[in-house]
C-alpha atoms as a PDB file:
ATOM      1  CA  MET A   1      65.522 -80.650 -35.704  1.00  0.00           C
ATOM      2  CA  SER A   2      65.506 -84.399 -36.443  1.00  0.00           C
ATOM      3  CA  GLU A   3      63.130 -85.085 -33.532  1.00  0.00           C
ATOM      4  CA  ILE A   4      60.637 -82.528 -34.804  1.00  0.00           C
ATOM      5  CA  SER A   5      60.712 -83.965 -38.355  1.00  0.00           C
ATOM      6  CA  ASN A   6      60.213 -87.514 -36.915  1.00  0.00           C
ATOM      7  CA  THR A   7      57.238 -86.324 -34.933  1.00  0.00           C
ATOM      8  CA  ILE A   8      55.721 -84.691 -37.977  1.00  0.00           C
ATOM      9  CA  LYS A   9      56.184 -87.890 -40.040  1.00  0.00           C
ATOM     10  CA  LYS A  10      54.505 -89.934 -37.297  1.00  0.00           C
ATOM     11  CA  LEU A  11      51.555 -87.563 -37.218  1.00  0.00           C
ATOM     12  CA  GLN A  12      51.264 -87.707 -41.025  1.00  0.00           C
ATOM     13  CA  ILE A  13      51.249 -91.476 -40.947  1.00  0.00           C
ATOM     14  CA  LEU A  14      48.618 -91.537 -38.194  1.00  0.00           C
ATOM     15  CA  ASN A  15      46.476 -89.141 -40.171  1.00  0.00           C
ATOM     16  CA  ILE A  16      46.684 -91.392 -43.275  1.00  0.00           C
ATOM     17  CA  ILE A  17      45.687 -94.430 -41.156  1.00  0.00           C
ATOM     18  CA  LYS A  18      42.744 -92.493 -39.704  1.00  0.00           C
ATOM     19  CA  GLN A  19      41.562 -91.392 -43.185  1.00  0.00           C
ATOM     20  CA  ASN A  20      41.752 -94.953 -44.555  1.00  0.00           C
ATOM     21  CA  PHE A  21      39.964 -96.289 -41.505  1.00  0.00           C
ATOM     22  CA  ASN A  22      37.094 -93.766 -41.934  1.00  0.00           C
ATOM     23  CA  THR A  23      36.832 -94.356 -45.666  1.00  0.00           C
ATOM     24  CA  LYS A  24      36.727 -98.114 -45.532  1.00  0.00           C
ATOM     25  CA  THR A  25      34.282 -98.305 -42.563  1.00  0.00           C
ATOM     26  CA  GLN A  26      31.625 -95.790 -43.506  1.00  0.00           C
ATOM     27  CA  ARG A  27      28.864 -98.377 -43.842  1.00  0.00           C
ATOM     28  CA  TYR A  28      29.159 -99.284 -40.141  1.00  0.00           C
ATOM     29  CA  LEU A  29      27.108 -97.598 -37.451  1.00  0.00           C
ATOM     30  CA  SER A  30      29.988 -97.546 -34.968  1.00  0.00           C
ATOM     31  CA  ARG A  31      33.728 -97.812 -35.568  1.00  0.00           C
ATOM     32  CA  VAL A  32      36.165 -98.170 -32.702  1.00  0.00           C
ATOM     33  CA  TYR A  33      39.937 -98.531 -32.923  1.00  0.00           C
ATOM     34  CA  LYS A  34      42.176 -99.481 -30.009  1.00  0.00           C
ATOM     35  CA  LYS A  35      45.788-100.294 -29.574  1.00  0.00           C
ATOM     36  CA  MET A  36      46.029-103.334 -27.292  1.00  0.00           C
ATOM     37  CA  ASN A  37      48.006-102.024 -24.309  1.00  0.00           C
ATOM     38  CA  LYS A  38      46.442-104.253 -21.700  1.00  0.00           C
ATOM     39  CA  THR A  39      43.458-106.563 -21.155  1.00  0.00           C
ATOM     40  CA  VAL A  40      40.812-105.860 -18.548  1.00  0.00           C
ATOM     41  CA  GLY A  41      40.816-109.480 -17.521  1.00  0.00           C
ATOM     42  CA  THR A  42      41.417-113.080 -18.735  1.00  0.00           C
ATOM     43  CA  GLU A  43      39.979-116.348 -17.732  1.00  0.00           C
ATOM     44  CA  THR A  44      40.857-119.940 -18.737  1.00  0.00           C
ATOM     45  CA  VAL A  45      38.072-122.503 -18.753  1.00  0.00           C
ATOM     46  CA  ALA A  46      39.223-125.989 -19.893  1.00  0.00           C
ATOM     47  CA  SER A  47      41.139-125.306 -23.138  1.00  0.00           C
ATOM     48  CA  ARG A  48      39.329-122.035 -23.916  1.00  0.00           C
ATOM     49  CA  THR A  49      40.581-118.558 -23.075  1.00  0.00           C
ATOM     50  CA  ILE A  50      38.420-115.533 -22.460  1.00  0.00           C
ATOM     51  CA  ILE A  51      39.810-112.035 -22.840  1.00  0.00           C
ATOM     52  CA  TYR A  52      37.966-108.808 -21.877  1.00  0.00           C
ATOM     53  CA  VAL A  53      39.050-105.693 -23.771  1.00  0.00           C
ATOM     54  CA  SER A  54      37.799-102.213 -22.933  1.00  0.00           C
ATOM     55  CA  PHE A  55      36.959 -99.710 -25.687  1.00  0.00           C
ATOM     56  CA  GLY A  56      36.479 -96.704 -23.462  1.00  0.00           C
ATOM     57  CA  GLY A  57      33.436 -97.950 -21.546  1.00  0.00           C
ATOM     58  CA  LEU A  58      32.465-100.622 -24.045  1.00  0.00           C
ATOM     59  CA  LEU A  59      33.652-103.999 -22.835  1.00  0.00           C
ATOM     60  CA  MET A  60      34.257-106.687 -25.441  1.00  0.00           C
ATOM     61  CA  LYS A  61      34.505-110.357 -24.534  1.00  0.00           C
ATOM     62  CA  LEU A  62      36.612-112.541 -26.834  1.00  0.00           C
ATOM     63  CA  GLU A  63      36.403-116.257 -26.353  1.00  0.00           C
ATOM     64  CA  ALA A  64      38.412-118.863 -28.322  1.00  0.00           C
ATOM     65  CA  GLN A  65      40.739-121.838 -28.109  1.00  0.00           C
ATOM     66  CA  ARG A  66      43.793-120.945 -26.026  1.00  0.00           C
ATOM     67  CA  SER A  67      46.206-121.623 -28.900  1.00  0.00           C
ATOM     68  CA  ASP A  68      44.292-119.332 -31.264  1.00  0.00           C
ATOM     69  CA  VAL A  69      44.236-116.449 -28.786  1.00  0.00           C
ATOM     70  CA  ASP A  70      47.890-116.740 -27.932  1.00  0.00           C
ATOM     71  CA  GLU A  71      48.835-116.548 -31.598  1.00  0.00           C
ATOM     72  CA  ALA A  72      46.281-113.916 -32.654  1.00  0.00           C
ATOM     73  CA  ILE A  73      46.268-111.184 -30.009  1.00  0.00           C
ATOM     74  CA  ARG A  74      49.346-109.696 -28.413  1.00  0.00           C
ATOM     75  CA  LEU A  75      50.190-106.479 -26.698  1.00  0.00           C
ATOM     76  CA  ASP A  76      50.658-103.506 -29.019  1.00  0.00           C
ATOM     77  CA  ASP A  77      48.348-105.102 -31.602  1.00  0.00           C
ATOM     78  CA  ARG A  78      45.619-102.874 -33.059  1.00  0.00           C
ATOM     79  CA  LEU A  79      42.027-104.011 -32.623  1.00  0.00           C
ATOM     80  CA  TYR A  80      39.103-102.701 -34.662  1.00  0.00           C
ATOM     81  CA  LEU A  81      35.519-103.115 -33.573  1.00  0.00           C
ATOM     82  CA  LEU A  82      32.998-102.510 -36.368  1.00  0.00           C
ATOM     83  CA  MET A  83      29.268-102.563 -35.552  1.00  0.00           C
ATOM     84  CA  ARG A  84      26.298-102.225 -37.802  1.00  0.00           C
ATOM     85  CA  LYS A  85      22.574-102.628 -37.417  1.00  0.00           C
ATOM     86  CA  VAL A  86      21.232-105.875 -38.925  1.00  0.00           C
ATOM     87  CA  TYR A  87      17.649-105.762 -40.186  1.00  0.00           C
END
């Protein structure tokens, strides 16, 4: 019984997160959420690191100083990609 109640609680929490995400991001044309479970590829050029993250067919390239990337993005982190049209 405890396992079922834990699963229900997790689903309720995920539903709340999804509702908050949709409410706060309505002004954007496209909203994508991904849990960072792996990177598609990484490169290191001089002191810069390039990370490629796949959002289900949409590939994002993140490039920054190596120290910034090592501290900012880790496995199991949640990434949000918000896109809107600029006029």
